[in-house]
């Protein structure tokens, strides 16, 4: 195992490779979610994803479970609620690109909720970035083509808010190994999404029997590559570097999704959609960098 580097040193080639892998895995996963939900009901798709993830991660779920009340909130908000909304958003969408951009709002939502719930400081730069990010989503949604996806974009934004609240609660929770946390999340999300599917959806088994190998590949990619590999790489990075040092690079994720959506899935990219996406990502980037600067200042104080 390589030694932990000086946090202020340049990123190593291995760390850069990990960042690229995360962006590609998550970017492909957005497109995979859209592809899978074109054939399978959305909550059922999520349940299948976490059946795969749970089978891989159940071995890591062992006592003790510190701060179990907070853990329950984390896996509840970050499991069936967040992923239920995510898959519902992609199921509602006709294009993958706008929803992929909207899901990045979790970064400004996190800063906002940290201020409202934890009374953490928020800089004027972060506030400005929040305004720019939300304005970009509104501008993108008002495009004549994207307006058809307004429900999907709104649900994607709600999923971002759910994940942001999960992140805020996690800041006050005793550290739990990442694979154990992902295993807990999978074991809560699987029955939650499964029950939700049984109550609100129909035709699951018929859709499953007709699923193509590509649909199965999309589900397995989500359960194995996204839930296990990408998450493990994220936690490996933030154990070596400050989170604010690496998370701004993850803003490249929607670019991967947009390219796949445009090149392979027939997404329509108008100048207004592209401009709104760019404005949103600019705002999100400002928030991420402002948060990074604020935390660096607090650490030196």
C-alpha atoms as a PDB file:
ATOM      1  CA  UNK A   1       0.000   0.000   0.000  1.00  0.00           C
ATOM      2  CA  UNK A   2       1.424   3.376  -0.981  1.00  0.00           C
ATOM      3  CA  UNK A   3       2.031   5.880   1.820  1.00  0.00           C
ATOM      4  CA  UNK A   4      -0.425   8.740   2.334  1.00  0.00           C
ATOM      5  CA  UNK A   5       0.979  11.767   0.460  1.00  0.00           C
ATOM      6  CA  UNK A   6       1.323  15.299   1.704  1.00  0.00           C
ATOM      7  CA  UNK A   7      -2.217  16.671   1.229  1.00  0.00           C
ATOM      8  CA  UNK A   8      -0.841  19.817  -0.416  1.00  0.00           C
ATOM      9  CA  UNK A   9       1.290  17.948  -2.969  1.00  0.00           C
ATOM     10  CA  UNK A  10       0.307  17.469  -6.607  1.00  0.00           C
ATOM     11  CA  UNK A  11      -2.073  14.632  -7.387  1.00  0.00           C
ATOM     12  CA  UNK A  12      -0.281  11.448  -8.349  1.00  0.00           C
ATOM     13  CA  UNK A  13      -0.886   9.599 -11.598  1.00  0.00           C
ATOM     14  CA  UNK A  14      -2.762   6.901  -9.673  1.00  0.00           C
ATOM     15  CA  UNK A  15      -5.018   9.478  -8.034  1.00  0.00           C
ATOM     16  CA  UNK A  16      -5.755  11.141 -11.363  1.00  0.00           C
ATOM     17  CA  UNK A  17      -6.571   7.725 -12.829  1.00  0.00           C
ATOM     18  CA  UNK A  18      -8.974   7.085  -9.935  1.00  0.00           C
ATOM     19  CA  UNK A  19     -10.730  10.443 -10.536  1.00  0.00           C
ATOM     20  CA  UNK A  20     -11.098   9.681 -14.246  1.00  0.00           C
ATOM     21  CA  UNK A  21     -12.442   6.197 -13.450  1.00  0.00           C
ATOM     22  CA  UNK A  22     -15.026   7.617 -11.032  1.00  0.00           C
ATOM     23  CA  UNK A  23     -16.257  10.217 -13.531  1.00  0.00           C
ATOM     24  CA  UNK A  24     -16.514   7.612 -16.293  1.00  0.00           C
ATOM     25  CA  UNK A  25     -18.255   5.033 -14.091  1.00  0.00           C
ATOM     26  CA  UNK A  26     -20.788   7.548 -12.755  1.00  0.00           C
ATOM     27  CA  UNK A  27     -21.272   9.163 -16.158  1.00  0.00           C
ATOM     28  CA  UNK A  28     -21.950   5.806 -17.806  1.00  0.00           C
ATOM     29  CA  UNK A  29     -24.200   4.870 -14.892  1.00  0.00           C
ATOM     30  CA  UNK A  30     -26.519   7.822 -15.586  1.00  0.00           C
ATOM     31  CA  UNK A  31     -26.951   6.601 -19.143  1.00  0.00           C
ATOM     32  CA  UNK A  32     -27.348   3.019 -17.888  1.00  0.00           C
ATOM     33  CA  UNK A  33     -30.123   4.128 -15.527  1.00  0.00           C
ATOM     34  CA  UNK A  34     -31.995   5.742 -18.405  1.00  0.00           C
ATOM     35  CA  UNK A  35     -31.463   2.699 -20.620  1.00  0.00           C
ATOM     36  CA  UNK A  36     -32.603   0.203 -17.958  1.00  0.00           C
ATOM     37  CA  UNK A  37     -35.732   2.171 -17.024  1.00  0.00           C
ATOM     38  CA  UNK A  38     -36.834   2.174 -20.660  1.00  0.00           C
ATOM     39  CA  UNK A  39     -37.437  -1.579 -20.228  1.00  0.00           C
ATOM     40  CA  UNK A  40     -37.999  -2.025 -16.484  1.00  0.00           C
ATOM     41  CA  UNK A  41     -40.178  -0.158 -13.954  1.00  0.00           C
ATOM     42  CA  UNK A  42     -38.028   2.438 -12.134  1.00  0.00           C
ATOM     43  CA  UNK A  43     -38.306   1.239  -8.519  1.00  0.00           C
ATOM     44  CA  UNK A  44     -37.894  -2.347  -9.674  1.00  0.00           C
ATOM     45  CA  UNK A  45     -34.725  -1.312 -11.506  1.00  0.00           C
ATOM     46  CA  UNK A  46     -33.382   0.181  -8.285  1.00  0.00           C
ATOM     47  CA  UNK A  47     -34.247  -2.973  -6.344  1.00  0.00           C
ATOM     48  CA  UNK A  48     -32.350  -5.104  -8.877  1.00  0.00           C
ATOM     49  CA  UNK A  49     -29.359  -2.789  -8.618  1.00  0.00           C
ATOM     50  CA  UNK A  50     -29.169  -3.214  -4.870  1.00  0.00           C
ATOM     51  CA  UNK A  51     -29.738  -6.951  -5.094  1.00  0.00           C
ATOM     52  CA  UNK A  52     -26.465  -7.033  -7.051  1.00  0.00           C
ATOM     53  CA  UNK A  53     -24.732  -4.593  -4.687  1.00  0.00           C
ATOM     54  CA  UNK A  54     -26.049  -6.366  -1.589  1.00  0.00           C
ATOM     55  CA  UNK A  55     -24.783  -9.745  -2.781  1.00  0.00           C
ATOM     56  CA  UNK A  56     -21.304  -8.252  -3.195  1.00  0.00           C
ATOM     57  CA  UNK A  57     -21.274  -6.210   0.018  1.00  0.00           C
ATOM     58  CA  UNK A  58     -23.225  -8.243   2.582  1.00  0.00           C
ATOM     59  CA  UNK A  59     -19.970  -9.761   3.842  1.00  0.00           C
ATOM     60  CA  UNK A  60     -18.833  -6.329   5.034  1.00  0.00           C
ATOM     61  CA  UNK A  61     -21.949  -5.674   7.160  1.00  0.00           C
ATOM     62  CA  UNK A  62     -20.951  -6.718  10.658  1.00  0.00           C
ATOM     63  CA  UNK A  63     -21.365  -5.190  14.131  1.00  0.00           C
ATOM     64  CA  UNK A  64     -20.680  -2.810  15.723  1.00  0.00           C
ATOM     65  CA  UNK A  65     -23.085  -0.161  14.389  1.00  0.00           C
ATOM     66  CA  UNK A  66     -22.159   3.131  16.111  1.00  0.00           C
ATOM     67  CA  UNK A  67     -24.703   5.957  16.162  1.00  0.00           C
ATOM     68  CA  UNK A  68     -27.314   3.592  14.802  1.00  0.00           C
ATOM     69  CA  UNK A  69     -30.058   6.255  14.771  1.00  0.00           C
ATOM     70  CA  UNK A  70     -27.997   8.489  12.498  1.00  0.00           C
ATOM     71  CA  UNK A  71     -27.013   5.462  10.415  1.00  0.00           C
ATOM     72  CA  UNK A  72     -30.684   4.612   9.966  1.00  0.00           C
ATOM     73  CA  UNK A  73     -31.372   8.132   8.687  1.00  0.00           C
ATOM     74  CA  UNK A  74     -28.374   7.982   6.364  1.00  0.00           C
ATOM     75  CA  UNK A  75     -29.244   4.650   4.763  1.00  0.00           C
ATOM     76  CA  UNK A  76     -32.946   5.582   4.636  1.00  0.00           C
ATOM     77  CA  UNK A  77     -32.435   8.959   2.926  1.00  0.00           C
ATOM     78  CA  UNK A  78     -29.467   7.805   0.875  1.00  0.00           C
ATOM     79  CA  UNK A  79     -31.005   4.448  -0.019  1.00  0.00           C
ATOM     80  CA  UNK A  80     -34.638   3.898  -1.024  1.00  0.00           C
ATOM     81  CA  UNK A  81     -35.590   7.604  -1.078  1.00  0.00           C
ATOM     82  CA  UNK A  82     -32.606   8.936  -3.024  1.00  0.00           C
ATOM     83  CA  UNK A  83     -32.314   6.073  -5.480  1.00  0.00           C
ATOM     84  CA  UNK A  84     -36.076   5.727  -5.856  1.00  0.00           C
ATOM     85  CA  UNK A  85     -36.178   9.360  -6.969  1.00  0.00           C
ATOM     86  CA  UNK A  86     -33.130   8.932  -9.220  1.00  0.00           C
ATOM     87  CA  UNK A  87     -34.598   6.009 -11.132  1.00  0.00           C
ATOM     88  CA  UNK A  88     -37.987   7.700 -11.280  1.00  0.00           C
ATOM     89  CA  UNK A  89     -36.319  10.791 -12.774  1.00  0.00           C
ATOM     90  CA  UNK A  90     -34.583   8.832 -15.533  1.00  0.00           C
ATOM     91  CA  UNK A  91     -37.775   6.856 -16.202  1.00  0.00           C
ATOM     92  CA  UNK A  92     -39.692  10.110 -16.654  1.00  0.00           C
ATOM     93  CA  UNK A  93     -37.022  11.694 -18.848  1.00  0.00           C
ATOM     94  CA  UNK A  94     -36.868  11.509 -22.610  1.00  0.00           C
ATOM     95  CA  UNK A  95     -33.197  12.608 -22.587  1.00  0.00           C
ATOM     96  CA  UNK A  96     -30.471  11.638 -20.133  1.00  0.00           C
ATOM     97  CA  UNK A  97     -28.520  14.926 -20.294  1.00  0.00           C
ATOM     98  CA  UNK A  98     -30.747  17.428 -18.391  1.00  0.00           C
ATOM     99  CA  UNK A  99     -31.392  15.017 -15.508  1.00  0.00           C
ATOM    100  CA  UNK A 100     -27.668  14.223 -15.245  1.00  0.00           C
ATOM    101  CA  UNK A 101     -26.976  17.933 -14.835  1.00  0.00           C
ATOM    102  CA  UNK A 102     -29.785  18.412 -12.298  1.00  0.00           C
ATOM    103  CA  UNK A 103     -28.423  15.638 -10.088  1.00  0.00           C
ATOM    104  CA  UNK A 104     -25.258  17.701  -9.521  1.00  0.00           C
ATOM    105  CA  UNK A 105     -27.308  20.132  -7.432  1.00  0.00           C
ATOM    106  CA  UNK A 106     -26.485  17.957  -4.419  1.00  0.00           C
ATOM    107  CA  UNK A 107     -23.323  20.050  -3.949  1.00  0.00           C
ATOM    108  CA  UNK A 108     -25.072  23.427  -3.453  1.00  0.00           C
ATOM    109  CA  UNK A 109     -27.889  21.681  -1.555  1.00  0.00           C
ATOM    110  CA  UNK A 110     -25.285  20.238   0.825  1.00  0.00           C
ATOM    111  CA  UNK A 111     -23.831  23.680   1.529  1.00  0.00           C
ATOM    112  CA  UNK A 112     -27.337  25.075   2.062  1.00  0.00           C
ATOM    113  CA  UNK A 113     -28.471  22.268   4.397  1.00  0.00           C
ATOM    114  CA  UNK A 114     -25.200  22.407   6.344  1.00  0.00           C
ATOM    115  CA  UNK A 115     -25.958  26.071   7.012  1.00  0.00           C
ATOM    116  CA  UNK A 116     -29.625  25.495   7.909  1.00  0.00           C
ATOM    117  CA  UNK A 117     -29.222  22.289   9.941  1.00  0.00           C
ATOM    118  CA  UNK A 118     -25.684  22.356  11.315  1.00  0.00           C
ATOM    119  CA  UNK A 119     -25.267  26.149  11.374  1.00  0.00           C
ATOM    120  CA  UNK A 120     -22.044  25.812   9.412  1.00  0.00           C
ATOM    121  CA  UNK A 121     -20.664  28.965   7.852  1.00  0.00           C
ATOM    122  CA  UNK A 122     -21.474  29.668   4.232  1.00  0.00           C
ATOM    123  CA  UNK A 123     -19.500  32.211   2.242  1.00  0.00           C
ATOM    124  CA  UNK A 124     -20.898  34.835  -0.095  1.00  0.00           C
ATOM    125  CA  UNK A 125     -19.136  33.034  -2.943  1.00  0.00           C
ATOM    126  CA  UNK A 126     -20.992  29.817  -2.107  1.00  0.00           C
ATOM    127  CA  UNK A 127     -24.309  31.693  -1.950  1.00  0.00           C
ATOM    128  CA  UNK A 128     -23.599  33.254  -5.330  1.00  0.00           C
ATOM    129  CA  UNK A 129     -22.669  29.837  -6.725  1.00  0.00           C
ATOM    130  CA  UNK A 130     -25.939  28.373  -5.443  1.00  0.00           C
ATOM    131  CA  UNK A 131     -27.904  31.096  -7.200  1.00  0.00           C
ATOM    132  CA  UNK A 132     -25.992  30.563 -10.453  1.00  0.00           C
ATOM    133  CA  UNK A 133     -26.452  26.762 -10.299  1.00  0.00           C
ATOM    134  CA  UNK A 134     -30.194  26.922  -9.720  1.00  0.00           C
ATOM    135  CA  UNK A 135     -30.582  29.632 -12.378  1.00  0.00           C
ATOM    136  CA  UNK A 136     -28.742  27.401 -14.848  1.00  0.00           C
ATOM    137  CA  UNK A 137     -31.149  24.527 -14.215  1.00  0.00           C
ATOM    138  CA  UNK A 138     -34.136  26.844 -14.673  1.00  0.00           C
ATOM    139  CA  UNK A 139     -32.698  28.255 -17.923  1.00  0.00           C
ATOM    140  CA  UNK A 140     -31.941  24.751 -19.213  1.00  0.00           C
ATOM    141  CA  UNK A 141     -35.442  23.526 -18.323  1.00  0.00           C
ATOM    142  CA  UNK A 142     -37.151  26.439 -20.097  1.00  0.00           C
ATOM    143  CA  UNK A 143     -35.692  25.315 -23.424  1.00  0.00           C
ATOM    144  CA  UNK A 144     -38.439  24.348 -25.879  1.00  0.00           C
ATOM    145  CA  UNK A 145     -37.149  20.760 -26.006  1.00  0.00           C
ATOM    146  CA  UNK A 146     -36.064  20.315 -22.384  1.00  0.00           C
ATOM    147  CA  UNK A 147     -39.354  21.674 -20.997  1.00  0.00           C
ATOM    148  CA  UNK A 148     -40.885  18.272 -21.806  1.00  0.00           C
ATOM    149  CA  UNK A 149     -38.548  16.834 -19.141  1.00  0.00           C
ATOM    150  CA  UNK A 150     -39.464  19.348 -16.415  1.00  0.00           C
ATOM    151  CA  UNK A 151     -40.952  16.666 -14.173  1.00  0.00           C
ATOM    152  CA  UNK A 152     -37.852  14.504 -14.545  1.00  0.00           C
ATOM    153  CA  UNK A 153     -35.565  17.465 -13.820  1.00  0.00           C
ATOM    154  CA  UNK A 154     -37.617  18.379 -10.735  1.00  0.00           C
ATOM    155  CA  UNK A 155     -37.498  14.799  -9.434  1.00  0.00           C
ATOM    156  CA  UNK A 156     -33.747  14.695 -10.145  1.00  0.00           C
ATOM    157  CA  UNK A 157     -33.320  17.890  -8.112  1.00  0.00           C
ATOM    158  CA  UNK A 158     -35.345  16.314  -5.270  1.00  0.00           C
ATOM    159  CA  UNK A 159     -33.026  13.284  -5.406  1.00  0.00           C
ATOM    160  CA  UNK A 160     -30.080  15.685  -5.112  1.00  0.00           C
ATOM    161  CA  UNK A 161     -31.655  17.287  -2.042  1.00  0.00           C
ATOM    162  CA  UNK A 162     -32.115  13.848  -0.470  1.00  0.00           C
ATOM    163  CA  UNK A 163     -28.468  12.961  -1.058  1.00  0.00           C
ATOM    164  CA  UNK A 164     -27.369  16.352   0.258  1.00  0.00           C
ATOM    165  CA  UNK A 165     -29.239  15.810   3.521  1.00  0.00           C
ATOM    166  CA  UNK A 166     -27.645  12.356   3.734  1.00  0.00           C
ATOM    167  CA  UNK A 167     -24.236  13.985   3.381  1.00  0.00           C
ATOM    168  CA  UNK A 168     -25.012  16.552   6.085  1.00  0.00           C
ATOM    169  CA  UNK A 169     -26.145  13.870   8.555  1.00  0.00           C
ATOM    170  CA  UNK A 170     -23.058  11.812   7.727  1.00  0.00           C
ATOM    171  CA  UNK A 171     -20.865  14.732   8.841  1.00  0.00           C
ATOM    172  CA  UNK A 172     -22.147  14.212  12.381  1.00  0.00           C
ATOM    173  CA  UNK A 173     -21.860  10.439  12.355  1.00  0.00           C
ATOM    174  CA  UNK A 174     -18.996   8.309  13.613  1.00  0.00           C
ATOM    175  CA  UNK A 175     -16.847   7.087  10.758  1.00  0.00           C
ATOM    176  CA  UNK A 176     -18.014   3.819   9.228  1.00  0.00           C
ATOM    177  CA  UNK A 177     -15.893   1.888   6.685  1.00  0.00           C
ATOM    178  CA  UNK A 178     -17.124   2.719   3.163  1.00  0.00           C
ATOM    179  CA  UNK A 179     -17.922  -0.825   2.047  1.00  0.00           C
ATOM    180  CA  UNK A 180     -19.791  -1.445   5.298  1.00  0.00           C
ATOM    181  CA  UNK A 181     -21.798   1.749   4.742  1.00  0.00           C
ATOM    182  CA  UNK A 182     -22.571   0.777   1.153  1.00  0.00           C
ATOM    183  CA  UNK A 183     -23.571  -2.696   2.316  1.00  0.00           C
ATOM    184  CA  UNK A 184     -25.959  -1.239   4.893  1.00  0.00           C
ATOM    185  CA  UNK A 185     -27.381   1.106   2.268  1.00  0.00           C
ATOM    186  CA  UNK A 186     -27.929  -1.792  -0.152  1.00  0.00           C
ATOM    187  CA  UNK A 187     -29.612  -3.963   2.485  1.00  0.00           C
ATOM    188  CA  UNK A 188     -32.035  -1.136   3.332  1.00  0.00           C
ATOM    189  CA  UNK A 189     -32.587   0.049  -0.248  1.00  0.00           C
ATOM    190  CA  UNK A 190     -33.334  -3.441  -1.594  1.00  0.00           C
ATOM    191  CA  UNK A 191     -36.459  -4.151   0.507  1.00  0.00           C
ATOM    192  CA  UNK A 192     -37.526  -0.490   0.470  1.00  0.00           C
ATOM    193  CA  UNK A 193     -37.458  -0.236  -3.315  1.00  0.00           C
ATOM    194  CA  UNK A 194     -38.821  -3.771  -3.682  1.00  0.00           C
ATOM    195  CA  UNK A 195     -41.866  -3.023  -1.519  1.00  0.00           C
ATOM    196  CA  UNK A 196     -42.346   0.317  -3.274  1.00  0.00           C
ATOM    197  CA  UNK A 197     -42.316  -1.484  -6.614  1.00  0.00           C
ATOM    198  CA  UNK A 198     -44.835  -4.102  -5.470  1.00  0.00           C
ATOM    199  CA  UNK A 199     -47.222  -1.407  -4.225  1.00  0.00           C
ATOM    200  CA  UNK A 200     -46.962   1.128  -7.065  1.00  0.00           C
ATOM    201  CA  UNK A 201     -45.760  -0.721 -10.173  1.00  0.00           C
ATOM    202  CA  UNK A 202     -47.004  -3.539 -12.400  1.00  0.00           C
ATOM    203  CA  UNK A 203     -45.546  -5.825 -15.057  1.00  0.00           C
ATOM    204  CA  UNK A 204     -42.219  -6.353 -13.288  1.00  0.00           C
ATOM    205  CA  UNK A 205     -41.832 -10.046 -14.044  1.00  0.00           C
ATOM    206  CA  UNK A 206     -42.919  -9.734 -17.648  1.00  0.00           C
ATOM    207  CA  UNK A 207     -40.426  -6.902 -18.147  1.00  0.00           C
ATOM    208  CA  UNK A 208     -37.723  -8.971 -16.442  1.00  0.00           C
ATOM    209  CA  UNK A 209     -38.389 -11.987 -18.657  1.00  0.00           C
ATOM    210  CA  UNK A 210     -38.053  -9.776 -21.739  1.00  0.00           C
ATOM    211  CA  UNK A 211     -34.951  -7.917 -20.558  1.00  0.00           C
ATOM    212  CA  UNK A 212     -32.071  -8.001 -23.028  1.00  0.00           C
ATOM    213  CA  UNK A 213     -28.435  -8.679 -22.086  1.00  0.00           C
ATOM    214  CA  UNK A 214     -27.794  -4.934 -22.387  1.00  0.00           C
ATOM    215  CA  UNK A 215     -30.475  -4.204 -19.770  1.00  0.00           C
ATOM    216  CA  UNK A 216     -28.874  -6.736 -17.439  1.00  0.00           C
ATOM    217  CA  UNK A 217     -25.477  -5.182 -18.138  1.00  0.00           C
ATOM    218  CA  UNK A 218     -26.877  -1.767 -17.157  1.00  0.00           C
ATOM    219  CA  UNK A 219     -28.205  -3.150 -13.860  1.00  0.00           C
ATOM    220  CA  UNK A 220     -24.987  -5.012 -13.060  1.00  0.00           C
ATOM    221  CA  UNK A 221     -22.922  -1.918 -13.927  1.00  0.00           C
ATOM    222  CA  UNK A 222     -24.956   0.087 -11.415  1.00  0.00           C
ATOM    223  CA  UNK A 223     -24.728  -2.535  -8.676  1.00  0.00           C
ATOM    224  CA  UNK A 224     -21.077  -3.504  -9.113  1.00  0.00           C
ATOM    225  CA  UNK A 225     -19.189  -0.694 -10.865  1.00  0.00           C
ATOM    226  CA  UNK A 226     -21.038   2.308  -9.383  1.00  0.00           C
ATOM    227  CA  UNK A 227     -22.028   1.083  -5.907  1.00  0.00           C
ATOM    228  CA  UNK A 228     -18.827  -0.858  -5.191  1.00  0.00           C
ATOM    229  CA  UNK A 229     -15.900   0.184  -7.395  1.00  0.00           C
ATOM    230  CA  UNK A 230     -16.540   3.944  -7.763  1.00  0.00           C
ATOM    231  CA  UNK A 231     -17.542   4.370  -4.123  1.00  0.00           C
ATOM    232  CA  UNK A 232     -14.431   2.525  -2.938  1.00  0.00           C
ATOM    233  CA  UNK A 233     -12.271   4.777  -5.119  1.00  0.00           C
ATOM    234  CA  UNK A 234     -13.975   7.891  -3.726  1.00  0.00           C
ATOM    235  CA  UNK A 235     -13.289   6.877  -0.138  1.00  0.00           C
ATOM    236  CA  UNK A 236      -9.720   5.895  -1.020  1.00  0.00           C
ATOM    237  CA  UNK A 237      -9.201   9.387  -2.429  1.00  0.00           C
ATOM    238  CA  UNK A 238     -10.740  11.289   0.485  1.00  0.00           C
ATOM    239  CA  UNK A 239      -8.683   9.250   2.939  1.00  0.00           C
ATOM    240  CA  UNK A 240      -5.558  10.487   1.150  1.00  0.00           C
ATOM    241  CA  UNK A 241      -6.700  14.026   0.322  1.00  0.00           C
ATOM    242  CA  UNK A 242      -9.133  16.596   1.673  1.00  0.00           C
ATOM    243  CA  UNK A 243     -12.559  16.025   0.149  1.00  0.00           C
ATOM    244  CA  UNK A 244     -12.598  19.556  -1.250  1.00  0.00           C
ATOM    245  CA  UNK A 245      -9.383  18.825  -3.117  1.00  0.00           C
ATOM    246  CA  UNK A 246     -10.871  16.045  -5.237  1.00  0.00           C
ATOM    247  CA  UNK A 247     -14.664  16.487  -5.355  1.00  0.00           C
ATOM    248  CA  UNK A 248     -14.611  19.461  -7.805  1.00  0.00           C
ATOM    249  CA  UNK A 249     -13.145  17.112 -10.419  1.00  0.00           C
ATOM    250  CA  UNK A 250     -16.263  14.933 -10.180  1.00  0.00           C
ATOM    251  CA  UNK A 251     -18.148  17.729 -11.937  1.00  0.00           C
ATOM    252  CA  UNK A 252     -16.897  16.130 -15.154  1.00  0.00           C
ATOM    253  CA  UNK A 253     -19.409  13.307 -14.595  1.00  0.00           C
ATOM    254  CA  UNK A 254     -22.315  14.987 -16.462  1.00  0.00           C
ATOM    255  CA  UNK A 255     -20.018  15.630 -19.422  1.00  0.00           C
ATOM    256  CA  UNK A 256     -19.614  11.869 -19.830  1.00  0.00           C
ATOM    257  CA  UNK A 257     -23.398  11.400 -19.551  1.00  0.00           C
ATOM    258  CA  UNK A 258     -24.107  14.207 -22.041  1.00  0.00           C
ATOM    259  CA  UNK A 259     -21.673  12.753 -24.590  1.00  0.00           C
ATOM    260  CA  UNK A 260     -23.227   9.287 -24.274  1.00  0.00           C
ATOM    261  CA  UNK A 261     -26.748  10.701 -24.422  1.00  0.00           C
ATOM    262  CA  UNK A 262     -25.956  12.770 -27.529  1.00  0.00           C
ATOM    263  CA  UNK A 263     -23.759  10.219 -29.292  1.00  0.00           C
ATOM    264  CA  UNK A 264     -25.573   6.957 -28.542  1.00  0.00           C
ATOM    265  CA  UNK A 265     -29.055   7.660 -27.160  1.00  0.00           C
ATOM    266  CA  UNK A 266     -30.397  10.389 -29.432  1.00  0.00           C
ATOM    267  CA  UNK A 267     -30.411  13.269 -26.931  1.00  0.00           C
ATOM    268  CA  UNK A 268     -31.206  16.656 -28.425  1.00  0.00           C
ATOM    269  CA  UNK A 269     -28.682  19.284 -27.324  1.00  0.00           C
ATOM    270  CA  UNK A 270     -29.844  22.794 -28.164  1.00  0.00           C
ATOM    271  CA  UNK A 271     -27.725  25.896 -27.478  1.00  0.00           C
ATOM    272  CA  UNK A 272     -30.002  26.753 -24.536  1.00  0.00           C
ATOM    273  CA  UNK A 273     -29.639  23.290 -22.984  1.00  0.00           C
ATOM    274  CA  UNK A 274     -25.862  23.435 -23.366  1.00  0.00           C
ATOM    275  CA  UNK A 275     -25.716  26.981 -22.001  1.00  0.00           C
ATOM    276  CA  UNK A 276     -27.925  26.103 -19.030  1.00  0.00           C
ATOM    277  CA  UNK A 277     -25.821  23.016 -18.333  1.00  0.00           C
ATOM    278  CA  UNK A 278     -22.628  25.060 -18.440  1.00  0.00           C
ATOM    279  CA  UNK A 279     -24.103  27.733 -16.138  1.00  0.00           C
ATOM    280  CA  UNK A 280     -25.245  25.053 -13.686  1.00  0.00           C
ATOM    281  CA  UNK A 281     -21.859  23.361 -13.602  1.00  0.00           C
ATOM    282  CA  UNK A 282     -20.148  26.738 -13.198  1.00  0.00           C
ATOM    283  CA  UNK A 283     -22.329  27.502 -10.178  1.00  0.00           C
ATOM    284  CA  UNK A 284     -21.780  24.058  -8.701  1.00  0.00           C
ATOM    285  CA  UNK A 285     -18.043  24.444  -9.208  1.00  0.00           C
ATOM    286  CA  UNK A 286     -18.053  27.820  -7.428  1.00  0.00           C
ATOM    287  CA  UNK A 287     -19.850  26.257  -4.450  1.00  0.00           C
ATOM    288  CA  UNK A 288     -17.441  23.320  -4.339  1.00  0.00           C
ATOM    289  CA  UNK A 289     -14.379  25.577  -4.465  1.00  0.00           C
ATOM    290  CA  UNK A 290     -15.858  28.000  -1.907  1.00  0.00           C
ATOM    291  CA  UNK A 291     -16.552  25.089   0.450  1.00  0.00           C
ATOM    292  CA  UNK A 292     -13.022  23.859  -0.063  1.00  0.00           C
ATOM    293  CA  UNK A 293     -11.580  27.271   0.789  1.00  0.00           C
ATOM    294  CA  UNK A 294     -13.831  27.653   3.840  1.00  0.00           C
ATOM    295  CA  UNK A 295     -12.826  24.270   5.243  1.00  0.00           C
ATOM    296  CA  UNK A 296      -9.148  24.896   4.553  1.00  0.00           C
ATOM    297  CA  UNK A 297      -9.389  28.180   6.465  1.00  0.00           C
ATOM    298  CA  UNK A 298     -11.173  26.492   9.358  1.00  0.00           C
ATOM    299  CA  UNK A 299      -8.498  23.811   9.533  1.00  0.00           C
ATOM    300  CA  UNK A 300      -5.747  26.445   9.825  1.00  0.00           C
ATOM    301  CA  UNK A 301      -7.604  28.458  12.481  1.00  0.00           C
END
